[in-house]
Amino acid sequence: MKRAVILLSGGLDSATTLYLARKKGFKCFCLIFNYGQRHLREIESAKRIAQSAKCPYKVIDLSFPWKGSSLLDKKIRVRSHKSQVTSKIPSTYVPGRNIVFLSFALSYAEAIRAQAVYIGAHAQDYSGYPDCRPEFFSAFERMVACGTKSGVEGKRIKILTPLVNKNKAAIIRLGKGLGVPFELTWSCYKGRAKPCGVCDSCYFRAKGFKEAGIKDER
């Protein structure tokens, strides 16, 4: 059976990506990152999602000691969606995060002879992160081709972004059809017991469910 490494954050995008990869016939191996994020609740959500899909998972502990993001530094306030200046990259951007995460996933994939790495990033309705754009993933794939043993031997590991051109409502409809347990997912940046309802992540989740015409059972 073909294998894939799935970057699983605990949010509805990565959960949908996991269930989609599974439907495509991949045996899925999930990577969950504990990187010092204030919303640690998402790690438990990711574990439960992997378990619901009956897929093995690994939790990777790493740190960004230089911080540089409101997700890592509690001295920096996570602003509400309405107060964000939409033309600027928001404070929740973590410098180099997807480069780091994809590098771990690529190493794991090459070690277990997986054919693909899946990531649930998407470029529509997102917060403005430069490492969620199609051109970034295309560039990373070119690096994979020339910078790995698999690549130079003609067995390139694919970097798959099936949601990259979908908006949140389309992702939710897709996930619903795949049987994704959205009630297990977590989509708030602030790390409280309950979602704040006003950060970017909460805003786009609520907007997506409303536009999809589906009730959020979270």
C-alpha atoms as a PDB file:
ATOM      1  CA  MET A   1       0.000   0.000   0.000  1.00  0.00           C
ATOM      2  CA  LYS A   2       1.266   3.483  -0.839  1.00  0.00           C
ATOM      3  CA  ARG A   3       2.210   5.647   2.144  1.00  0.00           C
ATOM      4  CA  ALA A   4       1.829   9.310   3.016  1.00  0.00           C
ATOM      5  CA  VAL A   5       2.890  11.566   5.866  1.00  0.00           C
ATOM      6  CA  ILE A   6       0.153  13.962   6.963  1.00  0.00           C
ATOM      7  CA  LEU A   7       0.832  17.217   8.780  1.00  0.00           C
ATOM      8  CA  LEU A   8      -1.953  17.178  11.350  1.00  0.00           C
ATOM      9  CA  SER A   9      -2.563  20.322  13.394  1.00  0.00           C
ATOM     10  CA  GLY A  10      -5.930  19.513  14.897  1.00  0.00           C
ATOM     11  CA  GLY A  11      -7.816  22.026  12.760  1.00  0.00           C
ATOM     12  CA  LEU A  12     -10.530  21.254  10.263  1.00  0.00           C
ATOM     13  CA  ASP A  13      -8.250  21.778   7.232  1.00  0.00           C
ATOM     14  CA  SER A  14      -5.663  19.206   8.268  1.00  0.00           C
ATOM     15  CA  ALA A  15      -8.387  16.793   9.416  1.00  0.00           C
ATOM     16  CA  THR A  16     -10.051  17.017   6.012  1.00  0.00           C
ATOM     17  CA  THR A  17      -6.682  16.479   4.351  1.00  0.00           C
ATOM     18  CA  LEU A  18      -6.080  13.335   6.414  1.00  0.00           C
ATOM     19  CA  TYR A  19      -9.454  11.855   5.521  1.00  0.00           C
ATOM     20  CA  LEU A  20      -8.955  12.751   1.855  1.00  0.00           C
ATOM     21  CA  ALA A  21      -5.530  11.079   1.730  1.00  0.00           C
ATOM     22  CA  ARG A  22      -7.012   8.000   3.354  1.00  0.00           C
ATOM     23  CA  LYS A  23      -9.774   7.896   0.737  1.00  0.00           C
ATOM     24  CA  LYS A  24      -7.111   8.154  -1.984  1.00  0.00           C
ATOM     25  CA  GLY A  25      -5.761   4.834  -0.760  1.00  0.00           C
ATOM     26  CA  PHE A  26      -2.778   5.995   1.278  1.00  0.00           C
ATOM     27  CA  LYS A  27      -1.712   4.451   4.532  1.00  0.00           C
ATOM     28  CA  CYS A  28      -1.366   7.633   6.557  1.00  0.00           C
ATOM     29  CA  PHE A  29       1.267   8.493   9.155  1.00  0.00           C
ATOM     30  CA  CYS A  30       0.433  11.671  11.067  1.00  0.00           C
ATOM     31  CA  LEU A  31       2.915  14.235  12.378  1.00  0.00           C
ATOM     32  CA  ILE A  32       1.732  16.524  15.159  1.00  0.00           C
ATOM     33  CA  PHE A  33       3.930  19.405  16.338  1.00  0.00           C
ATOM     34  CA  ASN A  34       4.244  20.764  19.850  1.00  0.00           C
ATOM     35  CA  TYR A  35       6.208  23.908  19.073  1.00  0.00           C
ATOM     36  CA  GLY A  36       5.326  26.095  22.030  1.00  0.00           C
ATOM     37  CA  GLN A  37       2.095  27.426  20.559  1.00  0.00           C
ATOM     38  CA  ARG A  38      -0.268  29.109  22.991  1.00  0.00           C
ATOM     39  CA  HIS A  39      -3.168  27.037  21.588  1.00  0.00           C
ATOM     40  CA  LEU A  40      -1.836  23.716  22.924  1.00  0.00           C
ATOM     41  CA  ARG A  41      -5.412  22.418  22.897  1.00  0.00           C
ATOM     42  CA  GLU A  42      -4.964  21.670  19.182  1.00  0.00           C
ATOM     43  CA  ILE A  43      -2.444  18.908  19.984  1.00  0.00           C
ATOM     44  CA  GLU A  44      -5.046  16.874  21.866  1.00  0.00           C
ATOM     45  CA  SER A  45      -7.509  17.485  19.047  1.00  0.00           C
ATOM     46  CA  ALA A  46      -4.971  16.211  16.524  1.00  0.00           C
ATOM     47  CA  LYS A  47      -4.386  13.047  18.541  1.00  0.00           C
ATOM     48  CA  ARG A  48      -8.116  12.351  18.719  1.00  0.00           C
ATOM     49  CA  ILE A  49      -8.534  12.943  14.987  1.00  0.00           C
ATOM     50  CA  ALA A  50      -5.691  10.525  14.170  1.00  0.00           C
ATOM     51  CA  GLN A  51      -7.233   7.955  16.471  1.00  0.00           C
ATOM     52  CA  SER A  52     -10.663   8.412  14.881  1.00  0.00           C
ATOM     53  CA  ALA A  53      -9.091   7.757  11.478  1.00  0.00           C
ATOM     54  CA  LYS A  54      -7.199   4.753  12.898  1.00  0.00           C
ATOM     55  CA  CYS A  55      -3.872   6.221  11.784  1.00  0.00           C
ATOM     56  CA  PRO A  56      -0.580   6.127  13.690  1.00  0.00           C
ATOM     57  CA  TYR A  57       0.809   9.454  14.846  1.00  0.00           C
ATOM     58  CA  LYS A  58       3.955  10.975  16.281  1.00  0.00           C
ATOM     59  CA  VAL A  59       4.131  14.139  18.375  1.00  0.00           C
ATOM     60  CA  ILE A  60       7.288  16.129  17.652  1.00  0.00           C
ATOM     61  CA  ASP A  61       8.502  18.494  20.361  1.00  0.00           C
ATOM     62  CA  LEU A  62      10.476  21.455  19.084  1.00  0.00           C
ATOM     63  CA  SER A  63      10.833  25.107  19.934  1.00  0.00           C
ATOM     64  CA  PHE A  64      11.256  28.480  18.318  1.00  0.00           C
ATOM     65  CA  PRO A  65      13.115  30.126  21.237  1.00  0.00           C
ATOM     66  CA  TRP A  66      13.426  33.407  19.333  1.00  0.00           C
ATOM     67  CA  LYS A  67       9.600  33.513  19.135  1.00  0.00           C
ATOM     68  CA  GLY A  68       8.614  36.250  16.649  1.00  0.00           C
ATOM     69  CA  SER A  69       4.889  35.454  16.683  1.00  0.00           C
ATOM     70  CA  SER A  70       1.878  36.108  18.889  1.00  0.00           C
ATOM     71  CA  LEU A  71       1.271  32.344  18.832  1.00  0.00           C
ATOM     72  CA  LEU A  72       4.600  31.877  20.629  1.00  0.00           C
ATOM     73  CA  ASP A  73       4.981  35.055  22.670  1.00  0.00           C
ATOM     74  CA  LYS A  74       2.186  35.806  25.130  1.00  0.00           C
ATOM     75  CA  LYS A  75       3.451  39.368  25.397  1.00  0.00           C
ATOM     76  CA  ILE A  76       2.142  39.935  21.859  1.00  0.00           C
ATOM     77  CA  ARG A  77      -1.615  40.214  21.699  1.00  0.00           C
ATOM     78  CA  VAL A  78      -3.587  38.042  19.274  1.00  0.00           C
ATOM     79  CA  ARG A  79      -5.813  40.618  17.652  1.00  0.00           C
ATOM     80  CA  SER A  80      -9.408  40.086  16.678  1.00  0.00           C
ATOM     81  CA  HIS A  81     -10.166  39.552  13.008  1.00  0.00           C
ATOM     82  CA  LYS A  82     -11.909  42.926  12.708  1.00  0.00           C
ATOM     83  CA  SER A  83      -8.875  44.791  14.000  1.00  0.00           C
ATOM     84  CA  GLN A  84      -6.427  43.160  11.606  1.00  0.00           C
ATOM     85  CA  VAL A  85      -4.962  45.237   8.767  1.00  0.00           C
ATOM     86  CA  THR A  86      -5.713  42.821   5.946  1.00  0.00           C
ATOM     87  CA  SER A  87      -2.916  44.005   3.666  1.00  0.00           C
ATOM     88  CA  LYS A  88      -0.287  43.004   6.213  1.00  0.00           C
ATOM     89  CA  ILE A  89       0.916  39.618   7.399  1.00  0.00           C
ATOM     90  CA  PRO A  90      -0.647  39.186  10.861  1.00  0.00           C
ATOM     91  CA  SER A  91       1.155  38.706  14.151  1.00  0.00           C
ATOM     92  CA  THR A  92       0.115  35.035  14.234  1.00  0.00           C
ATOM     93  CA  TYR A  93       2.578  34.247  11.435  1.00  0.00           C
ATOM     94  CA  VAL A  94       5.346  32.004  12.800  1.00  0.00           C
ATOM     95  CA  PRO A  95       8.627  32.666  10.936  1.00  0.00           C
ATOM     96  CA  GLY A  96       9.516  29.700   8.739  1.00  0.00           C
ATOM     97  CA  ARG A  97       6.985  27.358  10.363  1.00  0.00           C
ATOM     98  CA  ASN A  98       5.845  25.483   7.254  1.00  0.00           C
ATOM     99  CA  ILE A  99       9.417  25.193   6.012  1.00  0.00           C
ATOM    100  CA  VAL A 100      10.372  23.553   9.313  1.00  0.00           C
ATOM    101  CA  PHE A 101       7.290  21.323   9.445  1.00  0.00           C
ATOM    102  CA  LEU A 102       7.619  20.190   5.845  1.00  0.00           C
ATOM    103  CA  SER A 103      11.304  19.427   6.371  1.00  0.00           C
ATOM    104  CA  PHE A 104      10.449  17.118   9.280  1.00  0.00           C
ATOM    105  CA  ALA A 105       7.680  15.511   7.244  1.00  0.00           C
ATOM    106  CA  LEU A 106       9.978  15.041   4.258  1.00  0.00           C
ATOM    107  CA  SER A 107      12.645  13.369   6.402  1.00  0.00           C
ATOM    108  CA  TYR A 108      10.018  11.076   7.920  1.00  0.00           C
ATOM    109  CA  ALA A 109       8.571  10.265   4.503  1.00  0.00           C
ATOM    110  CA  GLU A 110      11.955   9.400   3.050  1.00  0.00           C
ATOM    111  CA  ALA A 111      12.806   7.194   6.043  1.00  0.00           C
ATOM    112  CA  ILE A 112       9.586   5.154   5.764  1.00  0.00           C
ATOM    113  CA  ARG A 113       9.597   5.190   1.953  1.00  0.00           C
ATOM    114  CA  ALA A 114       6.407   7.167   1.685  1.00  0.00           C
ATOM    115  CA  GLN A 115       5.382   8.537  -1.690  1.00  0.00           C
ATOM    116  CA  ALA A 116       3.800  11.783  -0.506  1.00  0.00           C
ATOM    117  CA  VAL A 117       3.541  14.461   2.147  1.00  0.00           C
ATOM    118  CA  TYR A 118       0.122  16.054   2.605  1.00  0.00           C
ATOM    119  CA  ILE A 119      -0.432  19.500   4.075  1.00  0.00           C
ATOM    120  CA  GLY A 120      -3.820  21.169   4.492  1.00  0.00           C
ATOM    121  CA  ALA A 121      -2.772  24.732   3.689  1.00  0.00           C
ATOM    122  CA  HIS A 122      -5.003  26.835   1.481  1.00  0.00           C
ATOM    123  CA  ALA A 123      -4.560  30.220  -0.131  1.00  0.00           C
ATOM    124  CA  GLN A 124      -8.179  31.435  -0.030  1.00  0.00           C
ATOM    125  CA  ASP A 125      -9.733  32.918   3.124  1.00  0.00           C
ATOM    126  CA  TYR A 126      -6.401  32.575   4.913  1.00  0.00           C
ATOM    127  CA  SER A 127      -4.658  35.085   7.135  1.00  0.00           C
ATOM    128  CA  GLY A 128      -1.997  36.193   4.657  1.00  0.00           C
ATOM    129  CA  TYR A 129       0.778  33.728   5.485  1.00  0.00           C
ATOM    130  CA  PRO A 130       3.407  33.586   2.693  1.00  0.00           C
ATOM    131  CA  ASP A 131       4.076  29.884   3.368  1.00  0.00           C
ATOM    132  CA  CYS A 132       0.494  28.927   2.464  1.00  0.00           C
ATOM    133  CA  ARG A 133       0.714  29.997  -1.186  1.00  0.00           C
ATOM    134  CA  PRO A 134       0.914  27.652  -4.202  1.00  0.00           C
ATOM    135  CA  GLU A 135       4.214  29.182  -5.318  1.00  0.00           C
ATOM    136  CA  PHE A 136       5.800  28.306  -1.986  1.00  0.00           C
ATOM    137  CA  PHE A 137       4.837  24.642  -2.296  1.00  0.00           C
ATOM    138  CA  SER A 138       6.032  24.522  -5.904  1.00  0.00           C
ATOM    139  CA  ALA A 139       9.396  25.863  -4.779  1.00  0.00           C
ATOM    140  CA  PHE A 140       9.583  23.322  -1.956  1.00  0.00           C
ATOM    141  CA  GLU A 141       8.872  20.491  -4.393  1.00  0.00           C
ATOM    142  CA  ARG A 142      11.775  21.640  -6.570  1.00  0.00           C
ATOM    143  CA  MET A 143      13.992  21.496  -3.505  1.00  0.00           C
ATOM    144  CA  VAL A 144      12.788  17.948  -2.778  1.00  0.00           C
ATOM    145  CA  ALA A 145      13.737  16.874  -6.291  1.00  0.00           C
ATOM    146  CA  CYS A 146      17.354  18.009  -5.975  1.00  0.00           C
ATOM    147  CA  GLY A 147      17.986  17.821  -2.233  1.00  0.00           C
ATOM    148  CA  THR A 148      16.967  14.286  -1.266  1.00  0.00           C
ATOM    149  CA  LYS A 149      18.189  10.789  -2.060  1.00  0.00           C
ATOM    150  CA  SER A 150      14.712   9.899  -3.235  1.00  0.00           C
ATOM    151  CA  GLY A 151      14.657  12.873  -5.565  1.00  0.00           C
ATOM    152  CA  VAL A 152      18.013  12.299  -7.236  1.00  0.00           C
ATOM    153  CA  GLU A 153      17.172   8.619  -7.687  1.00  0.00           C
ATOM    154  CA  GLY A 154      13.978   9.518  -9.506  1.00  0.00           C
ATOM    155  CA  LYS A 155      11.632   8.566  -6.668  1.00  0.00           C
ATOM    156  CA  ARG A 156      10.573  12.055  -5.757  1.00  0.00           C
ATOM    157  CA  ILE A 157       8.263  12.479  -2.780  1.00  0.00           C
ATOM    158  CA  LYS A 158       5.266  14.584  -3.766  1.00  0.00           C
ATOM    159  CA  ILE A 159       4.174  17.565  -1.679  1.00  0.00           C
ATOM    160  CA  LEU A 160       0.390  17.469  -1.988  1.00  0.00           C
ATOM    161  CA  THR A 161      -1.830  20.436  -1.141  1.00  0.00           C
ATOM    162  CA  PRO A 162      -5.347  19.326  -2.143  1.00  0.00           C
ATOM    163  CA  LEU A 163      -7.039  22.276  -0.405  1.00  0.00           C
ATOM    164  CA  VAL A 164      -4.777  25.048  -1.604  1.00  0.00           C
ATOM    165  CA  ASN A 165      -7.290  26.624  -4.006  1.00  0.00           C
ATOM    166  CA  LYS A 166     -10.433  25.936  -1.967  1.00  0.00           C
ATOM    167  CA  ASN A 167     -12.166  28.355   0.356  1.00  0.00           C
ATOM    168  CA  LYS A 168     -13.235  27.361   3.849  1.00  0.00           C
ATOM    169  CA  ALA A 169     -16.835  26.580   2.889  1.00  0.00           C
ATOM    170  CA  ALA A 170     -15.681  24.209   0.119  1.00  0.00           C
ATOM    171  CA  ILE A 171     -13.295  22.502   2.543  1.00  0.00           C
ATOM    172  CA  ILE A 172     -16.085  22.000   5.056  1.00  0.00           C
ATOM    173  CA  ARG A 173     -18.394  20.524   2.409  1.00  0.00           C
ATOM    174  CA  LEU A 174     -15.601  18.194   1.299  1.00  0.00           C
ATOM    175  CA  GLY A 175     -14.878  17.155   4.874  1.00  0.00           C
ATOM    176  CA  LYS A 176     -18.538  16.544   5.570  1.00  0.00           C
ATOM    177  CA  GLY A 177     -18.708  14.181   2.615  1.00  0.00           C
ATOM    178  CA  LEU A 178     -15.611  12.351   3.834  1.00  0.00           C
ATOM    179  CA  GLY A 179     -17.030  11.897   7.330  1.00  0.00           C
ATOM    180  CA  VAL A 180     -14.510  14.158   9.054  1.00  0.00           C
ATOM    181  CA  PRO A 181     -15.334  14.446  12.783  1.00  0.00           C
ATOM    182  CA  PHE A 182     -15.395  18.244  12.856  1.00  0.00           C
ATOM    183  CA  GLU A 183     -16.534  18.121  16.478  1.00  0.00           C
ATOM    184  CA  LEU A 184     -13.032  16.942  17.390  1.00  0.00           C
ATOM    185  CA  THR A 185     -11.254  19.814  15.639  1.00  0.00           C
ATOM    186  CA  TRP A 186      -9.925  23.008  17.201  1.00  0.00           C
ATOM    187  CA  SER A 187      -9.759  26.399  15.465  1.00  0.00           C
ATOM    188  CA  CYS A 188      -8.828  29.130  17.945  1.00  0.00           C
ATOM    189  CA  TYR A 189      -5.475  30.873  18.365  1.00  0.00           C
ATOM    190  CA  LYS A 190      -5.905  32.033  21.952  1.00  0.00           C
ATOM    191  CA  GLY A 191      -5.510  28.749  23.814  1.00  0.00           C
ATOM    192  CA  ARG A 192      -8.437  29.124  26.174  1.00  0.00           C
ATOM    193  CA  ALA A 193     -10.838  26.444  27.392  1.00  0.00           C
ATOM    194  CA  LYS A 194     -13.369  27.618  24.806  1.00  0.00           C
ATOM    195  CA  PRO A 195     -12.899  29.291  21.395  1.00  0.00           C
ATOM    196  CA  CYS A 196     -12.644  33.080  21.635  1.00  0.00           C
ATOM    197  CA  GLY A 197     -14.887  33.627  18.623  1.00  0.00           C
ATOM    198  CA  VAL A 198     -13.031  36.724  17.399  1.00  0.00           C
ATOM    199  CA  CYS A 199      -9.540  35.706  16.198  1.00  0.00           C
ATOM    200  CA  ASP A 200      -8.851  35.007  12.507  1.00  0.00           C
ATOM    201  CA  SER A 201      -9.110  31.259  12.984  1.00  0.00           C
ATOM    202  CA  CYS A 202     -12.476  31.472  14.745  1.00  0.00           C
ATOM    203  CA  TYR A 203     -13.782  34.020  12.228  1.00  0.00           C
ATOM    204  CA  PHE A 204     -12.958  31.952   9.139  1.00  0.00           C
ATOM    205  CA  ARG A 205     -14.323  28.779  10.728  1.00  0.00           C
ATOM    206  CA  ALA A 206     -17.661  30.404  11.548  1.00  0.00           C
ATOM    207  CA  LYS A 207     -17.832  32.049   8.122  1.00  0.00           C
ATOM    208  CA  GLY A 208     -17.052  28.746   6.399  1.00  0.00           C
ATOM    209  CA  PHE A 209     -19.723  26.755   8.208  1.00  0.00           C
ATOM    210  CA  LYS A 210     -22.299  29.483   7.564  1.00  0.00           C
ATOM    211  CA  GLU A 211     -21.504  29.635   3.838  1.00  0.00           C
ATOM    212  CA  ALA A 212     -21.472  25.837   3.580  1.00  0.00           C
ATOM    213  CA  GLY A 213     -24.900  25.652   5.201  1.00  0.00           C
ATOM    214  CA  ILE A 214     -23.633  23.138   7.752  1.00  0.00           C
ATOM    215  CA  LYS A 215     -23.976  23.362  11.521  1.00  0.00           C
ATOM    216  CA  ASP A 216     -20.722  23.418  13.473  1.00  0.00           C
ATOM    217  CA  GLU A 217     -21.061  20.660  16.071  1.00  0.00           C
ATOM    218  CA  ARG A 218     -17.932  21.673  17.981  1.00  0.00           C
END
